[in-house]
C-alpha atoms as a PDB file:
ATOM      1  CA  MET A   1       4.242  -0.392   1.492  1.00  0.00           C
ATOM      2  CA  ARG A   2       4.678  -4.000   0.437  1.00  0.00           C
ATOM      3  CA  ASP A   3       7.162  -6.345   2.104  1.00  0.00           C
ATOM      4  CA  TYR A   4       9.141  -6.671  -1.149  1.00  0.00           C
ATOM      5  CA  GLU A   5       9.717  -4.147  -3.935  1.00  0.00           C
ATOM      6  CA  TRP A   6      11.256  -4.849  -7.364  1.00  0.00           C
ATOM      7  CA  VAL A   7      13.358  -2.214  -9.114  1.00  0.00           C
ATOM      8  CA  THR A   8      15.414  -2.367 -12.319  1.00  0.00           C
ATOM      9  CA  VAL A   9      18.972  -1.133 -11.783  1.00  0.00           C
ATOM     10  CA  ALA A  10      21.722  -0.609 -14.378  1.00  0.00           C
ATOM     11  CA  CYS A  11      25.129  -1.823 -13.218  1.00  0.00           C
ATOM     12  CA  GLU A  12      28.351  -2.300 -15.197  1.00  0.00           C
ATOM     13  CA  GLY A  13      26.647  -2.124 -18.595  1.00  0.00           C
ATOM     14  CA  ALA A  14      23.780  -4.498 -17.797  1.00  0.00           C
ATOM     15  CA  SER A  15      20.326  -4.179 -16.234  1.00  0.00           C
ATOM     16  CA  TYR A  16      19.168  -6.200 -13.259  1.00  0.00           C
ATOM     17  CA  ASP A  17      15.861  -6.640 -11.473  1.00  0.00           C
ATOM     18  CA  VAL A  18      16.595  -6.142  -7.792  1.00  0.00           C
ATOM     19  CA  CYS A  19      14.218  -7.343  -5.085  1.00  0.00           C
ATOM     20  CA  ILE A  20      14.435  -5.354  -1.868  1.00  0.00           C
ATOM     21  CA  CYS A  21      13.044  -6.740   1.390  1.00  0.00           C
ATOM     22  CA  MET A  22      11.441  -3.593   2.786  1.00  0.00           C
ATOM     23  CA  THR A  23      10.823  -5.140   6.204  1.00  0.00           C
ATOM     24  CA  PHE A  24      14.478  -5.876   6.946  1.00  0.00           C
ATOM     25  CA  ASN A  25      16.163  -3.537   4.412  1.00  0.00           C
ATOM     26  CA  TYR A  26      18.303  -5.910   2.377  1.00  0.00           C
ATOM     27  CA  VAL A  27      18.634  -7.163  -1.203  1.00  0.00           C
ATOM     28  CA  ASP A  28      16.724 -10.436  -1.415  1.00  0.00           C
ATOM     29  CA  GLU A  29      17.275 -11.308  -5.086  1.00  0.00           C
ATOM     30  CA  VAL A  30      19.137 -10.028  -8.134  1.00  0.00           C
ATOM     31  CA  ARG A  31      18.109 -11.271 -11.578  1.00  0.00           C
ATOM     32  CA  PRO A  32      19.225 -10.233 -15.033  1.00  0.00           C
ATOM     33  CA  VAL A  33      16.282  -8.443 -16.666  1.00  0.00           C
ATOM     34  CA  ASP A  34      13.749 -10.924 -18.092  1.00  0.00           C
ATOM     35  CA  SER A  35      15.332 -13.829 -16.213  1.00  0.00           C
ATOM     36  CA  GLU A  36      14.036 -15.996 -13.395  1.00  0.00           C
ATOM     37  CA  ILE A  37      17.552 -16.886 -12.211  1.00  0.00           C
ATOM     38  CA  ASN A  38      18.692 -15.341  -8.928  1.00  0.00           C
ATOM     39  CA  ILE A  39      22.394 -14.466  -9.313  1.00  0.00           C
ATOM     40  CA  ILE A  40      22.946 -12.738  -5.965  1.00  0.00           C
ATOM     41  CA  ALA A  41      25.510 -15.399  -4.935  1.00  0.00           C
ATOM     42  CA  LEU A  42      27.665 -14.389  -7.922  1.00  0.00           C
ATOM     43  CA  ILE A  43      27.752 -10.655  -7.116  1.00  0.00           C
ATOM     44  CA  SER A  44      30.228  -8.946  -4.815  1.00  0.00           C
ATOM     45  CA  GLN A  45      29.001  -7.441  -1.551  1.00  0.00           C
ATOM     46  CA  THR A  46      30.166  -4.028  -2.794  1.00  0.00           C
ATOM     47  CA  ASN A  47      27.926  -4.282  -5.872  1.00  0.00           C
ATOM     48  CA  ILE A  48      25.018  -5.591  -3.789  1.00  0.00           C
ATOM     49  CA  ARG A  49      25.291  -2.591  -1.445  1.00  0.00           C
ATOM     50  CA  TRP A  50      25.450  -0.245  -4.458  1.00  0.00           C
ATOM     51  CA  MET A  51      22.390  -1.927  -6.025  1.00  0.00           C
ATOM     52  CA  TYR A  52      20.543  -1.583  -2.712  1.00  0.00           C
ATOM     53  CA  GLU A  53      21.289   2.156  -2.594  1.00  0.00           C
ATOM     54  CA  GLN A  54      20.218   2.642  -6.219  1.00  0.00           C
ATOM     55  CA  ALA A  55      17.040   0.617  -5.723  1.00  0.00           C
ATOM     56  CA  MET A  56      16.102   2.539  -2.561  1.00  0.00           C
ATOM     57  CA  GLU A  57      16.600   5.856  -4.363  1.00  0.00           C
ATOM     58  CA  GLU A  58      14.227   4.661  -7.103  1.00  0.00           C
ATOM     59  CA  ILE A  59      11.677   3.335  -4.604  1.00  0.00           C
ATOM     60  CA  ASN A  60      11.722   6.580  -2.629  1.00  0.00           C
ATOM     61  CA  ALA A  61      11.418   8.657  -5.817  1.00  0.00           C
ATOM     62  CA  ASN A  62       8.426   6.581  -6.940  1.00  0.00           C
ATOM     63  CA  LEU A  63       6.737   6.805  -3.557  1.00  0.00           C
ATOM     64  CA  ASN A  64       7.011  10.584  -3.662  1.00  0.00           C
ATOM     65  CA  ALA A  65       5.857  10.899  -7.280  1.00  0.00           C
ATOM     66  CA  PRO A  66       2.327  12.330  -7.551  1.00  0.00           C
ATOM     67  CA  HIS A  67       1.218   9.648 -10.059  1.00  0.00           C
ATOM     68  CA  PHE A  68       2.428   6.697  -7.967  1.00  0.00           C
ATOM     69  CA  LYS A  69      -0.110   4.633  -6.046  1.00  0.00           C
ATOM     70  CA  ASP A  70       0.967   1.870  -3.712  1.00  0.00           C
ATOM     71  CA  MET A  71      -0.738  -1.122  -5.324  1.00  0.00           C
ATOM     72  CA  SER A  72      -1.077  -2.997  -2.019  1.00  0.00           C
ATOM     73  CA  GLN A  73      -3.050  -0.027  -0.678  1.00  0.00           C
ATOM     74  CA  MET A  74      -5.057   0.140  -3.933  1.00  0.00           C
ATOM     75  CA  GLU A  75      -5.896  -3.558  -3.606  1.00  0.00           C
ATOM     76  CA  TYR A  76      -7.190  -2.955  -0.080  1.00  0.00           C
ATOM     77  CA  LEU A  77      -9.275   0.032  -1.194  1.00  0.00           C
ATOM     78  CA  ILE A  78     -10.758  -1.935  -4.103  1.00  0.00           C
ATOM     79  CA  ASP A  79     -11.508  -4.934  -1.849  1.00  0.00           C
ATOM     80  CA  GLU A  80     -13.268  -2.611   0.584  1.00  0.00           C
ATOM     81  CA  GLY A  81     -15.220  -0.929  -2.254  1.00  0.00           C
ATOM     82  CA  ILE A  82     -13.656   2.439  -1.442  1.00  0.00           C
ATOM     83  CA  GLU A  83     -11.839   2.963  -4.737  1.00  0.00           C
ATOM     84  CA  GLY A  84     -11.688   1.351  -8.137  1.00  0.00           C
ATOM     85  CA  PRO A  85     -13.263   1.613 -11.590  1.00  0.00           C
ATOM     86  CA  VAL A  86     -16.823   1.460 -10.264  1.00  0.00           C
ATOM     87  CA  MET A  87     -16.234   3.950  -7.461  1.00  0.00           C
ATOM     88  CA  ASP A  88     -14.288   6.312  -9.765  1.00  0.00           C
ATOM     89  CA  ASP A  89     -17.209   6.302 -12.252  1.00  0.00           C
ATOM     90  CA  GLN A  90     -19.698   7.132  -9.513  1.00  0.00           C
ATOM     91  CA  VAL A  91     -17.699  10.212  -8.544  1.00  0.00           C
ATOM     92  CA  ALA A  92     -17.597  11.543 -12.126  1.00  0.00           C
END
């Protein structure tokens, strides 16, 4: 798993991109969707905790989904020549 995961969370009629620090289990950034502005300082601690819970549910659901591949692990496998487009073609 990567050190940081981004998840889109709907809260109070708007959508936010939430960055979770997976190493220390906290919300690192909150941005309105398609924005580069971190608004975490403007959000109540109650909403931040709720966003954290929602984001973790999404992350855990994705990790358990059969189609999900951890891209940091994929990058390692491709770098090592274990998996990737070339290796997948050789298997077929």
